Amino acid sequence: MVEVKRHSINLVAIGRQNPQIINADWLKVNNVVPLNVSPFKELFAQEKSFSKFVSTPVFANLVLGPIEFVVDQERFLITDTAINEWNDTRIFEISEKYFSVLCHTPIRLVGINMVANLTFSDPREDSGFQELFLPKEARVFSAIASKDVNASAAIRYLYPNGSGRLTLGLGELRQKEKIERMVHLNYEFDFKGWPNFKSELKQVPKVGEYWNGVLNQLLRIFEK
């Protein structure tokens, strides 16, 4: 039986960023993070609110509990690793506030990535799930003269319920204590101004429902 667990969700904005702006005090002073809710309420009550902070002229990395910021000269990335539902996260609220302060940041592309972790009971089960993306009768195997592969895959297509684009991704098999793979759905849209940015973020619950449906359907097909 495949165990499915929501792993993380992130938002990435591609454009020209200024990594040196971000730090814990700046987020606090500008009310970018909600200081009256967990985990920020507890974190900022401590003498040191963050567990990691690295800043150079071209890169910044700040970790506040389950929320991580990574900013370089071309991208802003915020990730939440403590989620129950895809829209049960503060990262979109934080992103809106971040860019409301830095509203002149040139952005051209935004992506929202929803990552799930699959745990398999044995290697055969994982192999069977991989075949949903790369069947054993695929012609590529005759070219490489092997069917014993650890495949990753990316399928790109238009979002059927809106103007965005989707990428369905299968990560490589990881075998340590458990037999696991990451699968993700990325919702991507072109930046057309801040009103459009906020409007697209409102699509996240619907995209999350769509992703849940895709995952459930993949498991139904796999278990037949």
Protein backbone atom coordinates (compact mmCIF):
# COMPACT_ATOMS: atom_id res chain seq x y z
CA MET A 1 0.00 0.00 0.00
CA VAL A 2 1.38 3.40 -1.00
CA GLU A 3 1.54 5.97 1.78
CA VAL A 4 0.94 9.54 0.57
CA LYS A 5 1.99 12.56 2.64
CA ARG A 6 2.00 16.23 1.74
CA HIS A 7 5.65 17.25 1.95
CA SER A 8 5.85 20.97 1.15
CA ILE A 9 4.52 23.85 -0.88
CA ASN A 10 6.49 26.75 -2.27
CA LEU A 11 6.14 29.90 -4.32
CA VAL A 12 8.90 31.12 -6.60
CA ALA A 13 8.97 34.47 -8.38
CA ILE A 14 11.46 34.85 -11.22
CA GLY A 15 12.81 38.30 -12.03
CA ARG A 16 15.42 40.72 -10.71
CA GLN A 17 15.63 40.48 -6.93
CA ASN A 18 17.71 42.13 -4.21
CA PRO A 19 18.86 39.36 -1.82
CA GLN A 20 20.44 41.74 0.70
CA ILE A 21 17.09 43.23 1.70
CA ILE A 22 15.74 40.18 3.50
CA ASN A 23 16.46 39.43 7.16
CA ALA A 24 14.34 38.59 10.21
CA ASP A 25 14.20 42.19 11.49
CA TRP A 26 13.16 43.52 8.07
CA LEU A 27 10.32 40.97 7.89
CA LYS A 28 9.21 41.98 11.39
CA VAL A 29 9.41 45.76 10.96
CA ASN A 30 7.53 45.67 7.65
CA ASN A 31 4.85 43.26 8.98
CA VAL A 32 5.63 40.81 6.17
CA VAL A 33 5.19 37.79 8.46
CA PRO A 34 2.09 37.62 10.72
CA LEU A 35 3.55 38.09 14.20
CA ASN A 36 0.35 37.12 16.03
CA VAL A 37 0.11 33.55 14.70
CA SER A 38 2.21 30.39 14.93
CA PRO A 39 5.02 29.73 14.31
CA PHE A 40 6.06 33.40 14.10
CA LYS A 41 4.45 34.42 17.41
CA GLU A 42 6.61 31.91 19.29
CA LEU A 43 9.74 32.43 17.18
CA PHE A 44 9.86 36.22 17.52
CA ALA A 45 9.29 35.95 21.27
CA GLN A 46 12.70 34.26 21.48
CA GLU A 47 16.01 36.10 21.63
CA LYS A 48 16.94 34.50 18.30
CA SER A 49 13.93 34.02 16.03
CA PHE A 50 15.58 32.13 13.17
CA SER A 51 17.45 28.82 12.91
CA LYS A 52 19.44 29.78 9.81
CA PHE A 53 20.48 33.04 8.16
CA VAL A 54 23.01 33.42 5.35
CA SER A 55 23.34 36.64 3.38
CA THR A 56 25.84 37.63 0.70
CA PRO A 57 25.60 40.28 -2.03
CA VAL A 58 24.06 37.70 -4.37
CA PHE A 59 22.24 35.29 -2.05
CA ALA A 60 20.15 35.16 1.14
CA ASN A 61 18.75 32.14 3.01
CA LEU A 62 16.56 32.61 6.10
CA VAL A 63 14.76 29.84 8.01
CA LEU A 64 11.93 30.69 10.41
CA GLY A 65 10.62 27.37 11.74
CA PRO A 66 8.95 25.55 8.82
CA ILE A 67 9.15 28.63 6.57
CA GLU A 68 12.27 29.07 4.47
CA PHE A 69 13.23 32.04 2.27
CA VAL A 70 15.81 31.75 -0.49
CA VAL A 71 16.50 34.88 -2.51
CA ASP A 72 19.13 35.34 -5.18
CA GLN A 73 19.48 37.87 -7.98
CA GLU A 74 16.93 36.13 -10.19
CA ARG A 75 14.40 34.50 -7.86
CA PHE A 76 12.44 34.80 -4.65
CA LEU A 77 11.52 31.41 -3.15
CA ILE A 78 9.44 30.76 -0.04
CA THR A 79 8.72 27.21 1.17
CA ASP A 80 6.46 25.78 3.88
CA THR A 81 7.20 22.25 5.11
CA ALA A 82 4.41 22.09 7.71
CA ILE A 83 1.13 21.73 5.85
CA ASN A 84 -2.05 19.66 6.15
CA GLU A 85 -3.85 21.04 3.11
CA TRP A 86 -2.33 22.77 0.10
CA ASN A 87 -3.98 26.10 0.91
CA ASP A 88 -3.35 25.77 4.67
CA THR A 89 -0.18 27.88 4.61
CA ARG A 90 0.93 31.45 5.24
CA ILE A 91 3.36 31.66 2.32
CA PHE A 92 0.90 33.37 -0.04
CA GLU A 93 -0.05 35.98 2.53
CA ILE A 94 3.65 36.54 3.24
CA SER A 95 4.49 36.76 -0.47
CA GLU A 96 1.80 39.38 -1.03
CA LYS A 97 3.09 41.48 1.88
CA TYR A 98 6.72 41.03 0.79
CA PHE A 99 6.03 42.33 -2.68
CA SER A 100 3.70 45.06 -1.45
CA VAL A 101 6.78 46.51 0.29
CA LEU A 102 8.98 45.79 -2.76
CA CYS A 103 6.33 46.58 -5.37
CA HIS A 104 8.85 47.81 -7.95
CA THR A 105 10.59 44.43 -8.15
CA PRO A 106 10.64 43.36 -11.83
CA ILE A 107 8.91 39.94 -11.97
CA ARG A 108 8.24 37.96 -15.14
CA LEU A 109 7.16 34.48 -13.98
CA VAL A 110 5.58 32.93 -10.88
CA GLY A 111 5.34 29.25 -9.97
CA ILE A 112 3.57 27.43 -7.15
CA ASN A 113 4.91 23.96 -6.44
CA MET A 114 2.96 21.36 -4.43
CA VAL A 115 5.13 18.41 -3.38
CA ALA A 116 3.90 15.05 -2.07
CA ASN A 117 6.02 12.22 -0.70
CA LEU A 118 5.15 8.62 -1.65
CA THR A 119 6.38 5.75 0.52
CA PHE A 120 6.29 2.23 -0.97
CA SER A 121 6.24 -1.08 0.85
CA ASP A 122 8.81 -2.72 -1.47
CA PRO A 123 10.82 -2.02 -4.67
CA ARG A 124 8.30 -3.85 -6.87
CA GLU A 125 5.57 -1.46 -5.74
CA ASP A 126 7.75 1.51 -6.63
CA SER A 127 8.59 -0.01 -10.00
CA GLY A 128 4.88 -0.45 -10.71
CA PHE A 129 4.20 3.21 -9.92
CA GLN A 130 7.11 4.30 -12.14
CA GLU A 131 5.48 2.40 -15.01
CA LEU A 132 2.61 4.90 -14.94
CA PHE A 133 5.13 7.39 -16.37
CA LEU A 134 7.51 5.05 -18.21
CA PRO A 135 5.96 1.68 -19.18
CA LYS A 136 8.33 -1.27 -19.53
CA GLU A 137 7.33 -1.61 -23.19
CA ALA A 138 8.55 1.94 -23.94
CA ARG A 139 10.85 1.98 -26.98
CA VAL A 140 13.56 3.81 -25.10
CA PHE A 141 14.51 0.58 -23.34
CA SER A 142 15.56 -1.00 -26.64
CA ALA A 143 17.94 1.92 -27.16
CA ILE A 144 19.62 1.67 -23.76
CA ALA A 145 19.49 -2.15 -23.58
CA SER A 146 18.18 -2.10 -20.01
CA LYS A 147 14.85 -2.04 -18.21
CA ASP A 148 16.38 -1.70 -14.76
CA VAL A 149 16.12 2.07 -14.48
CA ASN A 150 15.35 4.68 -11.84
CA ALA A 151 13.34 7.17 -13.87
CA SER A 152 12.19 10.70 -13.25
CA ALA A 153 9.65 12.39 -15.50
CA ALA A 154 8.07 15.77 -16.22
CA ILE A 155 4.80 16.22 -18.11
CA ARG A 156 3.89 19.78 -19.10
CA TYR A 157 0.40 20.86 -20.16
CA LEU A 158 -2.12 23.69 -19.88
CA TYR A 159 -4.18 23.94 -16.70
CA PRO A 160 -7.69 22.83 -17.78
CA ASN A 161 -9.48 25.26 -15.44
CA GLY A 162 -7.59 28.49 -16.07
CA SER A 163 -4.85 30.29 -17.94
CA GLY A 164 -1.84 28.84 -16.10
CA ARG A 165 0.50 26.02 -17.09
CA LEU A 166 1.12 22.79 -15.19
CA THR A 167 4.07 20.45 -14.79
CA LEU A 168 3.44 17.02 -13.29
CA GLY A 169 6.75 15.68 -12.05
CA LEU A 170 7.95 12.29 -10.80
CA GLY A 171 11.16 12.41 -8.77
CA GLU A 172 13.85 9.76 -8.63
CA LEU A 173 13.61 6.80 -6.28
CA ARG A 174 15.30 7.32 -2.91
CA GLN A 175 16.21 4.28 -0.81
CA LYS A 176 17.54 4.79 2.70
CA GLU A 177 15.37 3.76 5.61
CA LYS A 178 12.32 3.82 3.34
CA ILE A 179 11.52 3.45 -0.35
CA GLU A 180 10.32 6.92 -1.35
CA ARG A 181 9.67 9.23 -4.27
CA MET A 182 8.60 12.82 -4.52
CA VAL A 183 5.83 13.78 -6.93
CA HIS A 184 4.87 17.37 -7.55
CA LEU A 185 2.52 19.61 -9.44
CA ASN A 186 3.80 23.05 -10.45
CA TYR A 187 1.31 25.77 -11.37
CA GLU A 188 3.02 28.49 -13.40
CA PHE A 189 1.75 31.81 -14.74
CA ASP A 190 3.22 34.86 -16.43
CA PHE A 191 3.41 37.96 -14.27
CA LYS A 192 1.05 40.64 -15.61
CA GLY A 193 1.00 43.06 -12.69
CA TRP A 194 0.22 42.90 -8.98
CA PRO A 195 -3.60 42.71 -9.32
CA ASN A 196 -3.16 39.67 -11.57
CA PHE A 197 -0.60 38.21 -9.13
CA LYS A 198 -3.13 38.41 -6.27
CA SER A 199 -5.88 37.01 -8.50
CA GLU A 200 -3.74 34.02 -9.46
CA LEU A 201 -2.92 33.28 -5.81
CA LYS A 202 -6.67 32.94 -5.19
CA GLN A 203 -6.59 29.98 -7.61
CA VAL A 204 -4.40 27.94 -5.24
CA PRO A 205 -7.28 26.14 -3.42
CA LYS A 206 -8.73 25.02 -6.78
CA VAL A 207 -5.30 23.95 -8.07
CA GLY A 208 -4.80 22.05 -4.81
CA GLU A 209 -8.11 20.24 -5.27
CA TYR A 210 -7.11 19.42 -8.84
CA TRP A 211 -3.75 18.04 -7.63
CA ASN A 212 -5.46 15.89 -4.99
CA GLY A 213 -7.69 14.50 -7.74
CA VAL A 214 -4.71 13.72 -9.98
CA LEU A 215 -2.90 11.96 -7.13
CA ASN A 216 -5.98 9.90 -6.24
CA GLN A 217 -6.49 8.94 -9.86
CA LEU A 218 -2.84 7.91 -10.25
CA LEU A 219 -3.17 5.65 -7.21
CA ARG A 220 -6.44 4.15 -8.51
CA ILE A 221 -4.81 3.31 -11.84
CA PHE A 222 -1.74 1.92 -10.08
CA GLU A 223 -3.77 -0.30 -7.74
CA LYS A 224 -5.86 -1.88 -10.51
